[in-house]
């Protein structure tokens, strides 16, 4: 019983450390899934948005590597990529979904400016 408890504690601590070190970055599929839940996307919209995020991921990763920890350089280089991605996503959405998406983006930008990071709060 003690060994099982120790193994469980070890696994929980590893997962926590991974998340704390940024290993919790969401995949394109996870990003699209979250939008599906938040914006009530249909399966076709979700597939299209997943493809948009998949296409954007290599650009995002190369910008992050090139910035080499310089957050302001990364932010400046990332902004045009994010804007283009958001425009492509909006083209897939209905008018009501666009409004909700824009509100979501405004809230995310507000959190980022406040130093809270860009990840949305957990769903309740």
N, C-alpha and C. Protein backbone atom coordinates (compact mmCIF):
# COMPACT_ATOMS: atom_id res chain seq x y z
N UNK A 1 0.82 -1.19 0.00
CA UNK A 1 0.00 0.00 0.00
C UNK A 1 0.87 1.26 0.00
N UNK A 2 1.95 1.24 0.79
CA UNK A 2 2.84 2.39 0.84
C UNK A 2 3.50 2.63 -0.51
N UNK A 3 3.87 1.53 -1.18
CA UNK A 3 4.51 1.68 -2.50
C UNK A 3 3.54 2.31 -3.50
N UNK A 4 2.30 1.89 -3.48
CA UNK A 4 1.30 2.43 -4.38
C UNK A 4 1.11 3.93 -4.11
N UNK A 5 1.03 4.30 -2.87
CA UNK A 5 0.88 5.70 -2.50
C UNK A 5 2.09 6.52 -2.96
N UNK A 6 3.28 5.98 -2.80
CA UNK A 6 4.50 6.67 -3.24
C UNK A 6 4.51 6.85 -4.76
N UNK A 7 4.11 5.82 -5.49
CA UNK A 7 4.07 5.91 -6.95
C UNK A 7 3.06 6.97 -7.38
N UNK A 8 1.90 7.00 -6.75
CA UNK A 8 0.89 8.01 -7.08
C UNK A 8 1.40 9.42 -6.81
N UNK A 9 2.05 9.61 -5.69
CA UNK A 9 2.61 10.93 -5.36
C UNK A 9 3.67 11.33 -6.38
N UNK A 10 4.49 10.38 -6.78
CA UNK A 10 5.53 10.65 -7.77
C UNK A 10 4.93 11.08 -9.10
N UNK A 11 3.91 10.35 -9.56
CA UNK A 11 3.27 10.68 -10.83
C UNK A 11 2.63 12.07 -10.77
N UNK A 12 1.95 12.36 -9.69
CA UNK A 12 1.31 13.67 -9.54
C UNK A 12 2.36 14.78 -9.54
N UNK A 13 3.47 14.57 -8.87
CA UNK A 13 4.50 15.61 -8.83
C UNK A 13 5.14 15.82 -10.20
N UNK A 14 5.36 14.76 -10.95
CA UNK A 14 5.93 14.88 -12.30
C UNK A 14 4.98 15.66 -13.20
N UNK A 15 3.71 15.34 -13.16
CA UNK A 15 2.73 16.04 -13.98
C UNK A 15 2.69 17.52 -13.60
N UNK A 16 2.72 17.81 -12.31
CA UNK A 16 2.69 19.20 -11.85
C UNK A 16 3.93 19.96 -12.31
N UNK A 17 5.08 19.34 -12.22
CA UNK A 17 6.32 20.00 -12.66
C UNK A 17 6.30 20.24 -14.17
N UNK A 18 5.81 19.30 -14.91
CA UNK A 18 5.74 19.46 -16.36
C UNK A 18 4.86 20.64 -16.73
N UNK A 19 3.71 20.74 -16.10
CA UNK A 19 2.81 21.86 -16.36
C UNK A 19 3.45 23.18 -15.96
N UNK A 20 4.12 23.21 -14.83
CA UNK A 20 4.74 24.44 -14.32
C UNK A 20 5.86 24.91 -15.23
N UNK A 21 6.51 23.98 -15.93
CA UNK A 21 7.62 24.34 -16.80
C UNK A 21 7.16 24.62 -18.23
N UNK A 22 5.89 24.74 -18.45
CA UNK A 22 5.39 25.08 -19.78
C UNK A 22 5.13 23.86 -20.65
N UNK A 23 5.26 22.69 -20.12
CA UNK A 23 4.99 21.50 -20.90
C UNK A 23 3.51 21.31 -21.16
N UNK A 24 2.69 22.19 -20.62
CA UNK A 24 1.26 22.08 -20.77
C UNK A 24 0.72 22.82 -21.98
N UNK A 25 1.58 23.22 -22.92
CA UNK A 25 1.12 23.91 -24.11
C UNK A 25 0.16 23.00 -24.85
N UNK A 26 -0.92 23.58 -25.29
CA UNK A 26 -1.96 22.79 -25.93
C UNK A 26 -1.61 22.49 -27.39
N UNK A 27 -2.01 21.31 -27.84
CA UNK A 27 -1.82 20.93 -29.22
C UNK A 27 -2.86 21.64 -30.08
N UNK A 28 -2.66 21.68 -31.40
CA UNK A 28 -3.69 22.27 -32.27
C UNK A 28 -5.06 21.60 -32.08
N UNK A 29 -5.05 20.31 -31.88
CA UNK A 29 -6.31 19.60 -31.68
C UNK A 29 -7.00 20.04 -30.39
N UNK A 30 -6.20 20.23 -29.33
CA UNK A 30 -6.76 20.68 -28.05
C UNK A 30 -7.30 22.11 -28.17
N UNK A 31 -6.57 22.95 -28.91
CA UNK A 31 -7.03 24.33 -29.10
C UNK A 31 -8.37 24.34 -29.83
N UNK A 32 -8.48 23.55 -30.89
CA UNK A 32 -9.73 23.49 -31.65
C UNK A 32 -10.85 22.90 -30.81
N UNK A 33 -10.53 21.90 -30.02
CA UNK A 33 -11.54 21.27 -29.16
C UNK A 33 -12.09 22.28 -28.15
N UNK A 34 -11.19 23.11 -27.61
CA UNK A 34 -11.65 24.11 -26.66
C UNK A 34 -12.57 25.12 -27.34
N UNK A 35 -12.21 25.54 -28.56
CA UNK A 35 -13.10 26.45 -29.29
C UNK A 35 -14.42 25.77 -29.62
N UNK A 36 -14.38 24.48 -29.91
CA UNK A 36 -15.61 23.74 -30.20
C UNK A 36 -16.55 23.83 -29.00
N UNK A 37 -15.99 23.65 -27.82
CA UNK A 37 -16.80 23.71 -26.60
C UNK A 37 -17.27 25.14 -26.32
N UNK A 38 -16.35 26.09 -26.42
CA UNK A 38 -16.66 27.48 -26.07
C UNK A 38 -17.63 28.13 -27.05
N UNK A 39 -17.45 27.85 -28.34
CA UNK A 39 -18.23 28.53 -29.37
C UNK A 39 -19.32 27.66 -29.99
N UNK A 40 -19.50 26.45 -29.48
CA UNK A 40 -20.50 25.51 -30.01
C UNK A 40 -20.29 25.27 -31.51
N UNK A 41 -19.06 24.90 -31.87
CA UNK A 41 -18.74 24.62 -33.26
C UNK A 41 -19.31 23.27 -33.67
N UNK A 42 -19.65 23.15 -34.95
CA UNK A 42 -20.04 21.83 -35.47
C UNK A 42 -18.76 21.08 -35.86
N UNK A 43 -18.90 19.83 -36.24
CA UNK A 43 -17.72 19.00 -36.54
C UNK A 43 -16.93 19.53 -37.73
N UNK A 44 -17.62 20.05 -38.74
CA UNK A 44 -16.94 20.58 -39.93
C UNK A 44 -16.10 21.81 -39.55
N UNK A 45 -16.67 22.71 -38.76
CA UNK A 45 -15.94 23.89 -38.31
C UNK A 45 -14.72 23.48 -37.48
N UNK A 46 -14.92 22.52 -36.60
CA UNK A 46 -13.82 22.07 -35.74
C UNK A 46 -12.68 21.49 -36.58
N UNK A 47 -13.01 20.72 -37.60
CA UNK A 47 -11.99 20.15 -38.48
C UNK A 47 -11.23 21.23 -39.21
N UNK A 48 -11.94 22.24 -39.71
CA UNK A 48 -11.29 23.34 -40.43
C UNK A 48 -10.38 24.14 -39.50
N UNK A 49 -10.84 24.39 -38.29
CA UNK A 49 -10.05 25.17 -37.33
C UNK A 49 -8.84 24.36 -36.86
N UNK A 50 -9.02 23.06 -36.71
CA UNK A 50 -7.87 22.21 -36.37
C UNK A 50 -6.81 22.33 -37.45
N UNK A 51 -7.21 22.30 -38.72
CA UNK A 51 -6.26 22.42 -39.83
C UNK A 51 -5.55 23.78 -39.80
N UNK A 52 -6.27 24.83 -39.44
CA UNK A 52 -5.66 26.16 -39.33
C UNK A 52 -4.60 26.16 -38.24
N UNK A 53 -4.93 25.61 -37.08
CA UNK A 53 -3.96 25.56 -35.98
C UNK A 53 -2.77 24.66 -36.31
N UNK A 54 -3.01 23.56 -37.02
CA UNK A 54 -1.91 22.67 -37.40
C UNK A 54 -0.95 23.40 -38.35
N UNK A 55 -1.50 24.16 -39.29
CA UNK A 55 -0.65 24.92 -40.21
C UNK A 55 0.13 26.02 -39.50
N UNK A 56 -0.45 26.58 -38.45
CA UNK A 56 0.19 27.68 -37.73
C UNK A 56 1.26 27.19 -36.76
N UNK A 57 1.15 25.97 -36.29
CA UNK A 57 2.04 25.46 -35.24
C UNK A 57 3.53 25.53 -35.59
N UNK A 58 3.96 25.11 -36.80
CA UNK A 58 5.40 25.19 -37.10
C UNK A 58 5.92 26.64 -37.11
N UNK A 59 5.10 27.57 -37.56
CA UNK A 59 5.50 28.98 -37.56
C UNK A 59 5.69 29.45 -36.12
N UNK A 60 4.72 29.11 -35.27
CA UNK A 60 4.78 29.50 -33.86
C UNK A 60 6.02 28.91 -33.19
N UNK A 61 6.27 27.63 -33.45
CA UNK A 61 7.42 26.97 -32.84
C UNK A 61 8.74 27.58 -33.30
N UNK A 62 8.85 27.91 -34.59
CA UNK A 62 10.10 28.50 -35.08
C UNK A 62 10.31 29.90 -34.51
N UNK A 63 9.24 30.64 -34.33
CA UNK A 63 9.35 31.97 -33.72
C UNK A 63 9.82 31.85 -32.28
N UNK A 64 9.27 30.88 -31.56
CA UNK A 64 9.65 30.70 -30.16
C UNK A 64 11.13 30.30 -30.04
N UNK A 65 11.58 29.44 -30.94
CA UNK A 65 12.99 29.04 -30.91
C UNK A 65 13.90 30.20 -31.29
N UNK A 66 13.51 30.96 -32.32
CA UNK A 66 14.33 32.08 -32.78
C UNK A 66 14.42 33.18 -31.72
N UNK A 67 13.36 33.36 -30.94
CA UNK A 67 13.36 34.41 -29.92
C UNK A 67 14.33 34.08 -28.80
N UNK A 68 14.61 32.80 -28.59
CA UNK A 68 15.60 32.37 -27.59
C UNK A 68 15.35 32.99 -26.21
N UNK A 69 14.08 32.98 -25.79
CA UNK A 69 13.75 33.48 -24.45
C UNK A 69 13.45 34.97 -24.39
N UNK A 70 13.66 35.70 -25.48
CA UNK A 70 13.36 37.14 -25.51
C UNK A 70 11.87 37.31 -25.76
N UNK A 71 11.13 37.54 -24.68
CA UNK A 71 9.67 37.61 -24.77
C UNK A 71 9.17 38.75 -25.65
N UNK A 72 9.81 39.89 -25.60
CA UNK A 72 9.33 41.01 -26.42
C UNK A 72 9.56 40.74 -27.91
N UNK A 73 10.69 40.13 -28.25
CA UNK A 73 10.94 39.78 -29.65
C UNK A 73 9.95 38.71 -30.11
N UNK A 74 9.68 37.76 -29.23
CA UNK A 74 8.73 36.70 -29.56
C UNK A 74 7.34 37.29 -29.76
N UNK A 75 6.94 38.17 -28.89
CA UNK A 75 5.61 38.78 -28.98
C UNK A 75 5.48 39.57 -30.29
N UNK A 76 6.52 40.33 -30.64
CA UNK A 76 6.47 41.12 -31.86
C UNK A 76 6.39 40.24 -33.10
N UNK A 77 7.14 39.15 -33.11
CA UNK A 77 7.13 38.24 -34.26
C UNK A 77 5.86 37.40 -34.31
N UNK A 78 5.30 37.10 -33.16
CA UNK A 78 4.14 36.23 -33.08
C UNK A 78 2.84 36.96 -33.45
N UNK A 79 2.79 38.26 -33.22
CA UNK A 79 1.55 39.00 -33.42
C UNK A 79 0.99 38.87 -34.84
N UNK A 80 1.78 39.05 -35.90
CA UNK A 80 1.21 38.89 -37.25
C UNK A 80 0.70 37.47 -37.51
N UNK A 81 1.39 36.47 -36.98
CA UNK A 81 0.96 35.08 -37.16
C UNK A 81 -0.37 34.86 -36.45
N UNK A 82 -0.48 35.38 -35.23
CA UNK A 82 -1.72 35.23 -34.47
C UNK A 82 -2.88 35.96 -35.17
N UNK A 83 -2.61 37.14 -35.68
CA UNK A 83 -3.66 37.91 -36.34
C UNK A 83 -4.15 37.18 -37.60
N UNK A 84 -3.23 36.64 -38.37
CA UNK A 84 -3.60 35.89 -39.58
C UNK A 84 -4.41 34.64 -39.21
N UNK A 85 -3.97 33.96 -38.17
CA UNK A 85 -4.68 32.76 -37.72
C UNK A 85 -6.09 33.12 -37.28
N UNK A 86 -6.22 34.18 -36.52
CA UNK A 86 -7.54 34.60 -36.04
C UNK A 86 -8.46 34.96 -37.20
N UNK A 87 -7.92 35.61 -38.23
CA UNK A 87 -8.75 35.97 -39.38
C UNK A 87 -9.22 34.72 -40.12
N UNK A 88 -8.35 33.73 -40.25
CA UNK A 88 -8.74 32.47 -40.89
C UNK A 88 -9.83 31.76 -40.08
N UNK A 89 -9.68 31.81 -38.76
CA UNK A 89 -10.68 31.18 -37.89
C UNK A 89 -12.02 31.90 -38.03
N UNK A 90 -12.00 33.23 -38.04
CA UNK A 90 -13.24 33.99 -38.16
C UNK A 90 -13.97 33.68 -39.46
N UNK A 91 -13.23 33.37 -40.52
CA UNK A 91 -13.85 33.04 -41.80
C UNK A 91 -14.67 31.75 -41.73
N UNK A 92 -14.39 30.92 -40.74
CA UNK A 92 -15.10 29.64 -40.57
C UNK A 92 -16.34 29.80 -39.68
N UNK A 93 -16.38 30.86 -38.90
CA UNK A 93 -17.42 31.03 -37.88
C UNK A 93 -18.66 31.73 -38.40
N UNK A 94 -19.77 31.50 -37.71
CA UNK A 94 -21.01 32.25 -37.96
C UNK A 94 -20.85 33.63 -37.31
N UNK A 95 -21.79 34.52 -37.58
CA UNK A 95 -21.71 35.87 -37.01
C UNK A 95 -21.72 35.85 -35.48
N UNK A 96 -22.59 35.05 -34.89
CA UNK A 96 -22.66 34.96 -33.43
C UNK A 96 -21.36 34.38 -32.86
N UNK A 97 -20.84 33.36 -33.53
CA UNK A 97 -19.58 32.75 -33.08
C UNK A 97 -18.42 33.74 -33.20
N UNK A 98 -18.43 34.57 -34.27
CA UNK A 98 -17.38 35.58 -34.43
C UNK A 98 -17.39 36.55 -33.26
N UNK A 99 -18.57 36.98 -32.86
CA UNK A 99 -18.67 37.92 -31.74
C UNK A 99 -18.13 37.29 -30.46
N UNK A 100 -18.49 36.04 -30.22
CA UNK A 100 -18.01 35.33 -29.03
C UNK A 100 -16.49 35.12 -29.10
N UNK A 101 -15.98 34.81 -30.30
CA UNK A 101 -14.55 34.61 -30.49
C UNK A 101 -13.79 35.92 -30.24
N UNK A 102 -14.30 37.03 -30.76
CA UNK A 102 -13.66 38.32 -30.55
C UNK A 102 -13.64 38.69 -29.07
N UNK A 103 -14.73 38.39 -28.38
CA UNK A 103 -14.79 38.65 -26.93
C UNK A 103 -13.75 37.79 -26.21
N UNK A 104 -13.64 36.54 -26.60
CA UNK A 104 -12.66 35.62 -26.02
C UNK A 104 -11.24 36.14 -26.25
N UNK A 105 -10.96 36.61 -27.45
CA UNK A 105 -9.64 37.14 -27.77
C UNK A 105 -9.35 38.41 -26.97
N UNK A 106 -10.34 39.27 -26.80
CA UNK A 106 -10.15 40.50 -26.03
C UNK A 106 -9.83 40.17 -24.57
N UNK A 107 -10.53 39.18 -24.03
CA UNK A 107 -10.27 38.77 -22.65
C UNK A 107 -8.87 38.18 -22.52
N UNK A 108 -8.46 37.40 -23.50
CA UNK A 108 -7.12 36.79 -23.48
C UNK A 108 -6.04 37.88 -23.55
N UNK A 109 -6.24 38.87 -24.41
CA UNK A 109 -5.27 39.97 -24.53
C UNK A 109 -5.19 40.75 -23.22
N UNK A 110 -6.33 40.95 -22.59
CA UNK A 110 -6.36 41.67 -21.32
C UNK A 110 -5.58 40.90 -20.25
N UNK A 111 -5.75 39.58 -20.21
CA UNK A 111 -5.00 38.76 -19.25
C UNK A 111 -3.51 38.81 -19.54
N UNK A 112 -3.15 38.76 -20.82
CA UNK A 112 -1.73 38.79 -21.20
C UNK A 112 -1.10 40.12 -20.80
N UNK A 113 -1.81 41.20 -21.01
CA UNK A 113 -1.28 42.51 -20.64
C UNK A 113 -1.16 42.66 -19.14
N UNK A 114 -2.03 41.98 -18.43
CA UNK A 114 -1.99 42.02 -16.97
C UNK A 114 -0.98 41.03 -16.38
N UNK A 115 -0.29 40.28 -17.24
CA UNK A 115 0.72 39.35 -16.76
C UNK A 115 0.15 38.00 -16.35
N UNK A 116 -1.11 37.75 -16.71
CA UNK A 116 -1.75 36.51 -16.32
C UNK A 116 -1.56 35.37 -17.29
N UNK A 117 -0.87 35.61 -18.41
CA UNK A 117 -0.65 34.55 -19.38
C UNK A 117 -1.82 34.47 -20.36
N UNK A 118 -1.64 33.71 -21.41
CA UNK A 118 -2.64 33.65 -22.47
C UNK A 118 -3.58 32.49 -22.37
N UNK A 119 -3.44 31.62 -21.41
CA UNK A 119 -4.30 30.46 -21.33
C UNK A 119 -5.62 30.83 -20.70
N UNK A 120 -6.72 30.35 -21.26
CA UNK A 120 -8.02 30.66 -20.70
C UNK A 120 -8.21 29.93 -19.37
N UNK A 121 -9.14 30.43 -18.56
CA UNK A 121 -9.41 29.74 -17.31
C UNK A 121 -10.02 28.39 -17.58
N UNK A 122 -9.88 27.45 -16.67
CA UNK A 122 -10.45 26.13 -16.88
C UNK A 122 -11.96 26.20 -17.00
N UNK A 123 -12.53 25.33 -17.82
CA UNK A 123 -13.98 25.28 -17.99
C UNK A 123 -14.63 24.82 -16.70
N UNK A 124 -15.82 25.37 -16.44
CA UNK A 124 -16.50 25.01 -15.21
C UNK A 124 -17.75 24.25 -15.48
